[in-house]
Amino acid sequence: MSETITIRGFVATEITSSTTPGGVATASFRLGSTTRRFDRESKTWGDGHTNWFTVQGYRNLAGTLGCSIRKGQPVIVVGKLKIRSWEKEGRVYHSTIIDADAVGHDLSFGSANFIRTASRPALSLVETPQSPEDAPAVDPALDEPEDREDEHPDDHGHASVVIEDNDGELSSLDLETGELAEV
């Protein structure tokens, strides 16, 4: 059975990353999805049954899951449902796996910031120079700007992006550690 489904739930485990023998990146986590029911007599909401899924991502999705999703966060998963059955010692077991096409934070519980990965064309998060005269000088030997005041002093070679908030304040986000620092 293979059907496309959309599931809302909470990440129940840390992300587990690995690589297949063929060199394909994979990442997985457990997802708990609990129904909510309104009790008309007590006029309160209560939790119903929890369904458990293993969410599996491949390739680019696997690479971004580990740096974007954390245990306890609310997410929405879209993918193909696969139900596996097996028998052991006379008992039949079932597992539900979602081969994820997309995973994202459920914004009805909070806010998130999106950062496009380098494998696709990036949109600038800060204002870019409008003319060549406004651009920083470049040392041809290094092919990097001579003026490195924007570099974070604790930079250890991790990939990072500069983010401008609504007040014009700039911050540097380390994509490896997830740490946010003032620029």
C-alpha atoms as a PDB file:
ATOM      1  CA  MET A   1       0.000   0.000   0.000  1.00  0.00           C
ATOM      2  CA  SER A   2       1.408   3.414  -0.914  1.00  0.00           C
ATOM      3  CA  GLU A   3      -0.736   6.528  -0.537  1.00  0.00           C
ATOM      4  CA  THR A   4       0.173  10.226  -0.260  1.00  0.00           C
ATOM      5  CA  ILE A   5      -0.864  11.654   3.087  1.00  0.00           C
ATOM      6  CA  THR A   6      -0.458  14.810   5.152  1.00  0.00           C
ATOM      7  CA  ILE A   7       0.095  14.399   8.901  1.00  0.00           C
ATOM      8  CA  ARG A   8       0.326  17.018  11.665  1.00  0.00           C
ATOM      9  CA  GLY A   9       2.115  16.003  14.828  1.00  0.00           C
ATOM     10  CA  PHE A  10       5.044  16.463  17.168  1.00  0.00           C
ATOM     11  CA  VAL A  11       8.596  15.203  16.655  1.00  0.00           C
ATOM     12  CA  ALA A  12       9.062  12.468  19.270  1.00  0.00           C
ATOM     13  CA  THR A  13      12.759  11.605  18.780  1.00  0.00           C
ATOM     14  CA  GLU A  14      15.998  13.248  17.740  1.00  0.00           C
ATOM     15  CA  ILE A  15      16.798  13.075  14.021  1.00  0.00           C
ATOM     16  CA  THR A  16      18.839  10.006  13.028  1.00  0.00           C
ATOM     17  CA  SER A  17      21.019  10.511   9.935  1.00  0.00           C
ATOM     18  CA  SER A  18      22.801   7.899   7.847  1.00  0.00           C
ATOM     19  CA  THR A  19      23.839   7.031   4.308  1.00  0.00           C
ATOM     20  CA  THR A  20      22.646   4.078   2.248  1.00  0.00           C
ATOM     21  CA  PRO A  21      25.243   1.674   0.784  1.00  0.00           C
ATOM     22  CA  GLY A  22      24.620   3.463  -2.531  1.00  0.00           C
ATOM     23  CA  GLY A  23      25.647   6.812  -1.003  1.00  0.00           C
ATOM     24  CA  VAL A  24      22.165   8.361  -0.621  1.00  0.00           C
ATOM     25  CA  ALA A  25      21.732  10.541   2.492  1.00  0.00           C
ATOM     26  CA  THR A  26      18.846   9.542   4.770  1.00  0.00           C
ATOM     27  CA  ALA A  27      17.335  10.983   7.944  1.00  0.00           C
ATOM     28  CA  SER A  28      14.466   9.742  10.063  1.00  0.00           C
ATOM     29  CA  PHE A  29      12.487  10.527  13.200  1.00  0.00           C
ATOM     30  CA  ARG A  30       9.387   9.305  15.029  1.00  0.00           C
ATOM     31  CA  LEU A  31       6.240  11.421  14.793  1.00  0.00           C
ATOM     32  CA  GLY A  32       3.313  11.281  17.191  1.00  0.00           C
ATOM     33  CA  SER A  33      -0.047  12.546  15.954  1.00  0.00           C
ATOM     34  CA  THR A  34      -2.759  12.839  18.615  1.00  0.00           C
ATOM     35  CA  THR A  35      -6.385  13.607  17.836  1.00  0.00           C
ATOM     36  CA  ARG A  36      -8.124  16.315  19.879  1.00  0.00           C
ATOM     37  CA  ARG A  37     -11.776  15.944  20.836  1.00  0.00           C
ATOM     38  CA  PHE A  38     -14.260  18.365  22.345  1.00  0.00           C
ATOM     39  CA  ASP A  39     -16.296  16.950  25.242  1.00  0.00           C
ATOM     40  CA  ARG A  40     -19.676  18.718  25.085  1.00  0.00           C
ATOM     41  CA  GLU A  41     -20.643  17.723  28.623  1.00  0.00           C
ATOM     42  CA  SER A  42     -17.561  19.205  30.312  1.00  0.00           C
ATOM     43  CA  LYS A  43     -17.024  21.789  27.532  1.00  0.00           C
ATOM     44  CA  THR A  44     -13.307  20.989  27.418  1.00  0.00           C
ATOM     45  CA  TRP A  45     -10.844  19.677  24.855  1.00  0.00           C
ATOM     46  CA  GLY A  46      -9.057  16.394  25.498  1.00  0.00           C
ATOM     47  CA  ASP A  47      -6.514  14.175  23.813  1.00  0.00           C
ATOM     48  CA  GLY A  48      -7.650  11.131  21.900  1.00  0.00           C
ATOM     49  CA  HIS A  49      -5.613   8.259  20.483  1.00  0.00           C
ATOM     50  CA  THR A  50      -1.991   8.844  19.363  1.00  0.00           C
ATOM     51  CA  ASN A  51      -0.839   7.376  16.041  1.00  0.00           C
ATOM     52  CA  TRP A  52       2.902   6.798  15.625  1.00  0.00           C
ATOM     53  CA  PHE A  53       4.846   7.091  12.367  1.00  0.00           C
ATOM     54  CA  THR A  54       8.462   6.785  11.320  1.00  0.00           C
ATOM     55  CA  VAL A  55       9.228   9.680   8.972  1.00  0.00           C
ATOM     56  CA  GLN A  56      12.005   8.977   6.475  1.00  0.00           C
ATOM     57  CA  GLY A  57      13.641  11.636   4.272  1.00  0.00           C
ATOM     58  CA  TYR A  58      16.187  11.199   1.493  1.00  0.00           C
ATOM     59  CA  ARG A  59      18.798  13.290  -0.351  1.00  0.00           C
ATOM     60  CA  ASN A  60      18.390  17.085   0.124  1.00  0.00           C
ATOM     61  CA  LEU A  61      15.490  16.674   2.555  1.00  0.00           C
ATOM     62  CA  ALA A  62      17.642  14.393   4.724  1.00  0.00           C
ATOM     63  CA  GLY A  63      20.354  17.024   4.811  1.00  0.00           C
ATOM     64  CA  THR A  64      18.072  19.796   5.993  1.00  0.00           C
ATOM     65  CA  LEU A  65      16.068  17.749   8.515  1.00  0.00           C
ATOM     66  CA  GLY A  66      18.994  17.485  10.937  1.00  0.00           C
ATOM     67  CA  CYS A  67      19.610  21.228  11.078  1.00  0.00           C
ATOM     68  CA  SER A  68      15.958  22.315  11.005  1.00  0.00           C
ATOM     69  CA  ILE A  69      13.810  19.943  13.049  1.00  0.00           C
ATOM     70  CA  ARG A  70      14.168  19.244  16.780  1.00  0.00           C
ATOM     71  CA  LYS A  71      12.502  16.850  19.215  1.00  0.00           C
ATOM     72  CA  GLY A  72       9.234  18.282  20.571  1.00  0.00           C
ATOM     73  CA  GLN A  73       8.548  20.638  17.661  1.00  0.00           C
ATOM     74  CA  PRO A  74       5.199  20.645  15.841  1.00  0.00           C
ATOM     75  CA  VAL A  75       5.551  19.674  12.179  1.00  0.00           C
ATOM     76  CA  ILE A  76       3.517  18.898   9.086  1.00  0.00           C
ATOM     77  CA  VAL A  77       4.688  15.970   6.951  1.00  0.00           C
ATOM     78  CA  VAL A  78       3.615  15.185   3.380  1.00  0.00           C
ATOM     79  CA  GLY A  79       4.655  11.877   1.867  1.00  0.00           C
ATOM     80  CA  LYS A  80       3.814   8.351   0.854  1.00  0.00           C
ATOM     81  CA  LEU A  81       2.401   6.054   3.523  1.00  0.00           C
ATOM     82  CA  LYS A  82       3.893   2.577   3.689  1.00  0.00           C
ATOM     83  CA  ILE A  83       2.562  -0.046   6.088  1.00  0.00           C
ATOM     84  CA  ARG A  84       4.907  -2.941   6.735  1.00  0.00           C
ATOM     85  CA  SER A  85       3.817  -6.194   8.376  1.00  0.00           C
ATOM     86  CA  TRP A  86       5.920  -9.061   9.673  1.00  0.00           C
ATOM     87  CA  GLU A  87       5.497 -12.078  11.885  1.00  0.00           C
ATOM     88  CA  LYS A  88       7.747 -13.015  14.776  1.00  0.00           C
ATOM     89  CA  GLU A  89       7.164 -15.887  17.202  1.00  0.00           C
ATOM     90  CA  GLY A  90       3.579 -16.319  16.010  1.00  0.00           C
ATOM     91  CA  ARG A  91       2.655 -12.654  16.472  1.00  0.00           C
ATOM     92  CA  VAL A  92       1.982 -10.191  13.626  1.00  0.00           C
ATOM     93  CA  TYR A  93       3.572  -6.731  13.893  1.00  0.00           C
ATOM     94  CA  HIS A  94       2.912  -3.585  11.860  1.00  0.00           C
ATOM     95  CA  SER A  95       4.897  -0.393  11.305  1.00  0.00           C
ATOM     96  CA  THR A  96       3.819   2.787   9.566  1.00  0.00           C
ATOM     97  CA  ILE A  97       6.459   4.662   7.601  1.00  0.00           C
ATOM     98  CA  ILE A  98       6.099   7.927   5.732  1.00  0.00           C
ATOM     99  CA  ASP A  99       8.577   8.441   2.882  1.00  0.00           C
ATOM    100  CA  ALA A 100       8.526  12.211   3.203  1.00  0.00           C
ATOM    101  CA  ASP A 101       8.323  14.524   0.212  1.00  0.00           C
ATOM    102  CA  ALA A 102       8.136  17.614   2.461  1.00  0.00           C
ATOM    103  CA  VAL A 103       8.500  18.412   6.181  1.00  0.00           C
ATOM    104  CA  GLY A 104       7.889  21.814   7.740  1.00  0.00           C
ATOM    105  CA  HIS A 105       7.095  23.472  11.027  1.00  0.00           C
ATOM    106  CA  ASP A 106       3.403  23.804  11.936  1.00  0.00           C
ATOM    107  CA  LEU A 107       3.111  27.596  12.195  1.00  0.00           C
ATOM    108  CA  SER A 108      -0.167  27.428  14.112  1.00  0.00           C
ATOM    109  CA  PHE A 109       2.034  26.789  17.199  1.00  0.00           C
ATOM    110  CA  GLY A 110       4.737  29.410  16.604  1.00  0.00           C
ATOM    111  CA  SER A 111       6.927  31.112  14.032  1.00  0.00           C
ATOM    112  CA  ALA A 112       9.914  29.989  11.976  1.00  0.00           C
ATOM    113  CA  ASN A 113      12.458  31.532   9.622  1.00  0.00           C
ATOM    114  CA  PHE A 114      13.183  29.925   6.263  1.00  0.00           C
ATOM    115  CA  ILE A 115      16.705  29.812   4.860  1.00  0.00           C
ATOM    116  CA  ARG A 116      17.165  28.458   1.331  1.00  0.00           C
ATOM    117  CA  THR A 117      19.938  25.864   1.019  1.00  0.00           C
ATOM    118  CA  ALA A 118      22.899  26.428  -1.295  1.00  0.00           C
ATOM    119  CA  SER A 119      21.747  23.734  -3.730  1.00  0.00           C
ATOM    120  CA  ARG A 120      19.078  26.097  -5.071  1.00  0.00           C
ATOM    121  CA  PRO A 121      19.207  29.762  -6.131  1.00  0.00           C
ATOM    122  CA  ALA A 122      19.250  31.933  -3.029  1.00  0.00           C
ATOM    123  CA  LEU A 123      17.277  35.062  -2.324  1.00  0.00           C
ATOM    124  CA  SER A 124      19.228  37.691  -0.433  1.00  0.00           C
ATOM    125  CA  LEU A 125      18.009  38.340   3.103  1.00  0.00           C
ATOM    126  CA  VAL A 126      19.881  41.648   3.341  1.00  0.00           C
ATOM    127  CA  GLU A 127      20.040  44.561   0.935  1.00  0.00           C
ATOM    128  CA  THR A 128      22.464  43.977  -1.961  1.00  0.00           C
ATOM    129  CA  PRO A 129      24.438  46.759  -3.655  1.00  0.00           C
ATOM    130  CA  GLN A 130      22.515  48.433  -6.477  1.00  0.00           C
ATOM    131  CA  SER A 131      25.641  49.325  -8.466  1.00  0.00           C
ATOM    132  CA  PRO A 132      29.249  48.048  -8.745  1.00  0.00           C
ATOM    133  CA  GLU A 133      30.487  51.181  -6.931  1.00  0.00           C
ATOM    134  CA  ASP A 134      28.483  50.192  -3.826  1.00  0.00           C
ATOM    135  CA  ALA A 135      29.976  46.668  -3.687  1.00  0.00           C
ATOM    136  CA  PRO A 136      32.924  45.925  -1.353  1.00  0.00           C
ATOM    137  CA  ALA A 137      36.412  45.802  -2.908  1.00  0.00           C
ATOM    138  CA  VAL A 138      37.582  42.298  -3.839  1.00  0.00           C
ATOM    139  CA  ASP A 139      41.144  41.015  -3.602  1.00  0.00           C
ATOM    140  CA  PRO A 140      41.567  38.954  -6.830  1.00  0.00           C
ATOM    141  CA  ALA A 141      44.013  36.569  -5.113  1.00  0.00           C
ATOM    142  CA  LEU A 142      41.449  35.583  -2.488  1.00  0.00           C
ATOM    143  CA  ASP A 143      38.302  36.220  -4.533  1.00  0.00           C
ATOM    144  CA  GLU A 144      36.714  37.505  -1.296  1.00  0.00           C
ATOM    145  CA  PRO A 145      35.972  41.022  -0.075  1.00  0.00           C
ATOM    146  CA  GLU A 146      38.986  42.781   1.509  1.00  0.00           C
ATOM    147  CA  ASP A 147      36.796  44.252   4.258  1.00  0.00           C
ATOM    148  CA  ARG A 148      35.889  41.321   6.578  1.00  0.00           C
ATOM    149  CA  GLU A 149      34.223  43.284   9.415  1.00  0.00           C
ATOM    150  CA  ASP A 150      31.043  41.241   8.845  1.00  0.00           C
ATOM    151  CA  GLU A 151      32.830  38.004   9.774  1.00  0.00           C
ATOM    152  CA  HIS A 152      31.837  36.629  13.167  1.00  0.00           C
ATOM    153  CA  PRO A 153      34.870  36.481  15.514  1.00  0.00           C
ATOM    154  CA  ASP A 154      34.022  32.921  16.634  1.00  0.00           C
ATOM    155  CA  ASP A 155      33.678  31.632  13.059  1.00  0.00           C
ATOM    156  CA  HIS A 156      35.276  28.194  12.772  1.00  0.00           C
ATOM    157  CA  GLY A 157      34.602  27.640   9.086  1.00  0.00           C
ATOM    158  CA  HIS A 158      30.917  26.789   9.511  1.00  0.00           C
ATOM    159  CA  ALA A 159      28.479  27.947   6.887  1.00  0.00           C
ATOM    160  CA  SER A 160      26.442  30.903   8.102  1.00  0.00           C
ATOM    161  CA  VAL A 161      23.956  33.442   6.804  1.00  0.00           C
ATOM    162  CA  VAL A 162      23.256  37.026   7.739  1.00  0.00           C
ATOM    163  CA  ILE A 163      19.636  37.748   8.661  1.00  0.00           C
ATOM    164  CA  GLU A 164      18.034  41.179   8.882  1.00  0.00           C
ATOM    165  CA  ASP A 165      15.028  41.456  11.215  1.00  0.00           C
ATOM    166  CA  ASN A 166      12.105  43.886  10.869  1.00  0.00           C
ATOM    167  CA  ASP A 167      14.001  46.546  12.873  1.00  0.00           C
ATOM    168  CA  GLY A 168      17.021  46.436  10.548  1.00  0.00           C
ATOM    169  CA  GLU A 169      19.204  44.586  13.101  1.00  0.00           C
ATOM    170  CA  LEU A 170      21.627  42.085  11.563  1.00  0.00           C
ATOM    171  CA  SER A 171      22.365  38.647  13.042  1.00  0.00           C
ATOM    172  CA  SER A 172      24.548  35.765  11.895  1.00  0.00           C
ATOM    173  CA  LEU A 173      23.045  32.250  11.957  1.00  0.00           C
ATOM    174  CA  ASP A 174      25.548  29.375  12.062  1.00  0.00           C
ATOM    175  CA  LEU A 175      23.923  26.675   9.899  1.00  0.00           C
ATOM    176  CA  GLU A 176      25.903  23.893  11.557  1.00  0.00           C
ATOM    177  CA  THR A 177      25.217  24.711  15.227  1.00  0.00           C
ATOM    178  CA  GLY A 178      22.022  26.768  14.841  1.00  0.00           C
ATOM    179  CA  GLU A 179      23.526  29.538  17.012  1.00  0.00           C
ATOM    180  CA  LEU A 180      22.404  33.119  16.398  1.00  0.00           C
ATOM    181  CA  ALA A 181      24.855  35.952  17.080  1.00  0.00           C
ATOM    182  CA  GLU A 182      24.815  39.719  16.603  1.00  0.00           C
ATOM    183  CA  VAL A 183      26.864  41.001  13.667  1.00  0.00           C
END
